[in-house]
Amino acid sequence: MKIKVGFGFDVHQLKDGHPFVMGGVQLEHHAGAFGHSDADVLVHAICDALLGAANLEDIGYHFPNTDDRWRGISSLVLLAECVKLLDERGWTLGNIDAMLCLEAPKIKPYIPAMKQHISAAAGITEDDISIKATTNETMGFIGREEGVVAYAVCLIERK
């Protein structure tokens, strides 16, 4: 059996009055992540981890922010497309481990719904998805609530 590990990272600005989508869930907050799609940093980091593990470039290569097809799209659609790319090349997703870094809002109440949405898009069980969150202890752009960061690792294996 052949296995590979991938790592993903994403960062987005936070803007007042903008929707805040994370893991396919709308968060209650005065500001939200800004970007070409729905700016879901968690799902973007997961996509990059998957694509990296399979040596398939990155999310910007497959879904460029210069292409209007992806403007405002749910990042869960992008995740499903990434899983399809892996499948076409003989890979299956084993698990996802992700970490969010932001000061607010508190993420714990949203994690079950995030896992449910990601599970449906990625075709794996919720038990194969770990989502954690931390703050930046009020330091830097994260601490000033100017941005949000997500990290993800995944394991893929040959079918």
Protein backbone atom coordinates (compact mmCIF):
# COMPACT_ATOMS: atom_id res chain seq x y z
CA MET A 1 0.00 0.00 0.00
CA LYS A 2 1.34 3.43 -0.95
CA ILE A 3 0.44 6.44 1.18
CA LYS A 4 1.29 10.15 0.94
CA VAL A 5 0.84 13.11 3.26
CA GLY A 6 -0.06 16.62 2.18
CA PHE A 7 0.11 19.99 3.93
CA GLY A 8 -2.09 23.00 3.25
CA PHE A 9 -2.14 26.60 4.44
CA ASP A 10 -4.45 29.52 3.75
CA VAL A 11 -4.93 33.04 5.01
CA HIS A 12 -7.61 35.65 4.33
CA GLN A 13 -8.29 39.20 5.44
CA LEU A 14 -11.24 39.84 7.72
CA LYS A 15 -13.56 42.68 6.69
CA ASP A 16 -16.41 44.17 8.71
CA GLY A 17 -19.87 43.32 7.45
CA HIS A 18 -18.62 40.50 5.22
CA PRO A 19 -20.01 36.95 5.60
CA PHE A 20 -17.72 34.58 7.54
CA VAL A 21 -17.85 31.07 6.10
CA MET A 22 -15.70 28.38 7.67
CA GLY A 23 -15.98 24.69 6.89
CA GLY A 24 -19.10 25.46 4.90
CA VAL A 25 -20.78 27.01 7.95
CA GLN A 26 -21.85 30.65 8.27
CA LEU A 27 -20.31 31.99 11.51
CA GLU A 28 -21.94 34.69 13.60
CA HIS A 29 -19.40 37.52 13.68
CA HIS A 30 -19.15 41.22 12.83
CA ALA A 31 -16.46 40.52 10.19
CA GLY A 32 -15.79 37.79 7.69
CA ALA A 33 -13.06 36.45 5.44
CA PHE A 34 -12.74 38.21 2.12
CA GLY A 35 -11.75 36.51 -1.14
CA HIS A 36 -12.69 35.51 -4.69
CA SER A 37 -14.78 32.49 -3.66
CA ASP A 38 -16.51 32.33 -0.28
CA ALA A 39 -13.02 32.72 1.29
CA ASP A 40 -13.40 29.58 3.42
CA VAL A 41 -9.84 29.34 4.73
CA LEU A 42 -10.42 25.96 6.34
CA VAL A 43 -11.61 24.29 3.15
CA HIS A 44 -8.93 26.06 1.09
CA ALA A 45 -6.18 24.69 3.36
CA ILE A 46 -7.70 21.20 3.07
CA CYS A 47 -7.81 21.50 -0.74
CA ASP A 48 -4.14 22.47 -0.83
CA ALA A 49 -3.23 19.56 1.44
CA LEU A 50 -5.03 17.12 -0.86
CA LEU A 51 -3.57 18.56 -4.04
CA GLY A 52 -0.08 18.70 -2.53
CA ALA A 53 -0.21 15.09 -1.38
CA ALA A 54 -1.01 13.98 -4.93
CA ASN A 55 1.53 16.38 -6.50
CA LEU A 56 -1.25 18.25 -8.34
CA GLU A 57 -0.12 21.88 -7.95
CA ASP A 58 -2.30 24.03 -5.65
CA ILE A 59 -5.78 25.47 -5.32
CA GLY A 60 -4.87 28.61 -7.27
CA TYR A 61 -3.71 26.51 -10.20
CA HIS A 62 -6.99 24.61 -10.47
CA PHE A 63 -9.37 27.40 -9.40
CA PRO A 64 -7.67 30.74 -10.24
CA ASN A 65 -9.08 33.95 -8.81
CA THR A 66 -8.99 35.36 -12.35
CA ASP A 67 -11.72 32.94 -13.46
CA ASP A 68 -15.27 34.19 -12.87
CA ARG A 69 -16.56 30.59 -12.70
CA TRP A 70 -15.19 30.45 -9.15
CA ARG A 71 -16.37 33.92 -8.00
CA GLY A 72 -18.46 33.55 -4.83
CA ILE A 73 -18.61 29.75 -5.15
CA SER A 74 -18.85 27.54 -2.09
CA SER A 75 -15.42 26.17 -1.30
CA LEU A 76 -17.07 22.83 -0.60
CA VAL A 77 -17.58 22.57 -4.39
CA LEU A 78 -13.83 23.10 -4.81
CA LEU A 79 -13.15 20.41 -2.21
CA ALA A 80 -15.37 17.93 -4.05
CA GLU A 81 -13.50 18.75 -7.27
CA CYS A 82 -10.14 18.15 -5.55
CA VAL A 83 -11.33 14.76 -4.28
CA LYS A 84 -12.47 13.96 -7.84
CA LEU A 85 -9.01 14.87 -9.19
CA LEU A 86 -7.44 12.48 -6.67
CA ASP A 87 -9.91 9.74 -7.56
CA GLU A 88 -9.15 10.11 -11.28
CA ARG A 89 -5.47 9.53 -10.50
CA GLY A 90 -6.05 6.45 -8.34
CA TRP A 91 -5.93 8.06 -4.87
CA THR A 92 -8.39 7.91 -2.01
CA LEU A 93 -8.55 10.24 0.98
CA GLY A 94 -7.77 8.70 4.35
CA ASN A 95 -8.11 11.53 6.86
CA ILE A 96 -7.87 15.29 7.43
CA ASP A 97 -6.39 17.09 10.43
CA ALA A 98 -6.91 20.87 10.46
CA MET A 99 -6.07 23.81 12.72
CA LEU A 100 -7.66 27.26 12.65
CA CYS A 101 -5.99 30.32 14.11
CA LEU A 102 -8.22 33.31 14.91
CA GLU A 103 -9.16 35.42 17.91
CA ALA A 104 -12.94 35.37 17.44
CA PRO A 105 -15.50 33.96 17.20
CA LYS A 106 -15.08 30.81 19.27
CA ILE A 107 -15.10 27.86 16.84
CA LYS A 108 -15.97 24.92 19.10
CA PRO A 109 -19.78 25.25 18.73
CA TYR A 110 -19.46 25.16 14.94
CA ILE A 111 -17.12 22.15 14.62
CA PRO A 112 -19.79 19.42 14.38
CA ALA A 113 -21.52 21.22 11.48
CA MET A 114 -18.16 21.90 9.79
CA LYS A 115 -17.24 18.23 10.00
CA GLN A 116 -20.62 17.27 8.56
CA HIS A 117 -20.23 19.60 5.55
CA ILE A 118 -16.60 18.64 4.88
CA SER A 119 -17.43 14.94 5.25
CA ALA A 120 -20.18 15.21 2.62
CA ALA A 121 -17.96 17.12 0.17
CA ALA A 122 -14.88 14.94 0.68
CA GLY A 123 -16.60 11.55 0.80
CA ILE A 124 -15.11 10.48 4.13
CA THR A 125 -16.65 9.97 7.56
CA GLU A 126 -16.77 12.69 10.20
CA ASP A 127 -14.57 10.43 12.34
CA ASP A 128 -11.82 10.91 9.75
CA ILE A 129 -11.87 14.71 10.15
CA SER A 130 -10.25 16.60 13.00
CA ILE A 131 -10.78 20.36 13.35
CA LYS A 132 -9.09 22.32 16.10
CA ALA A 133 -8.79 26.04 16.83
CA THR A 134 -6.43 28.32 18.68
CA THR A 135 -5.86 32.03 19.10
CA ASN A 136 -2.72 34.02 18.42
CA GLU A 137 -2.76 35.41 21.99
CA THR A 138 -3.72 38.87 20.61
CA MET A 139 -0.42 39.16 18.69
CA GLY A 140 0.02 40.18 15.05
CA PHE A 141 -2.63 40.49 12.33
CA ILE A 142 -4.53 37.53 13.75
CA GLY A 143 -4.53 39.03 17.25
CA ARG A 144 -5.79 42.36 15.89
CA GLU A 145 -8.58 40.41 14.10
CA GLU A 146 -7.38 41.55 10.68
CA GLY A 147 -7.13 38.02 9.32
CA VAL A 148 -7.65 34.32 9.82
CA VAL A 149 -5.31 31.39 9.12
CA ALA A 150 -5.90 27.69 8.55
CA TYR A 151 -3.50 24.75 8.35
CA ALA A 152 -4.36 21.23 7.24
CA VAL A 153 -2.67 17.89 6.71
CA CYS A 154 -4.16 14.87 5.02
CA LEU A 155 -3.29 11.31 4.22
CA ILE A 156 -4.06 9.81 0.84
CA GLU A 157 -3.56 6.23 -0.26
CA ARG A 158 -3.48 4.30 -3.51
CA LYS A 159 -6.69 2.48 -4.28
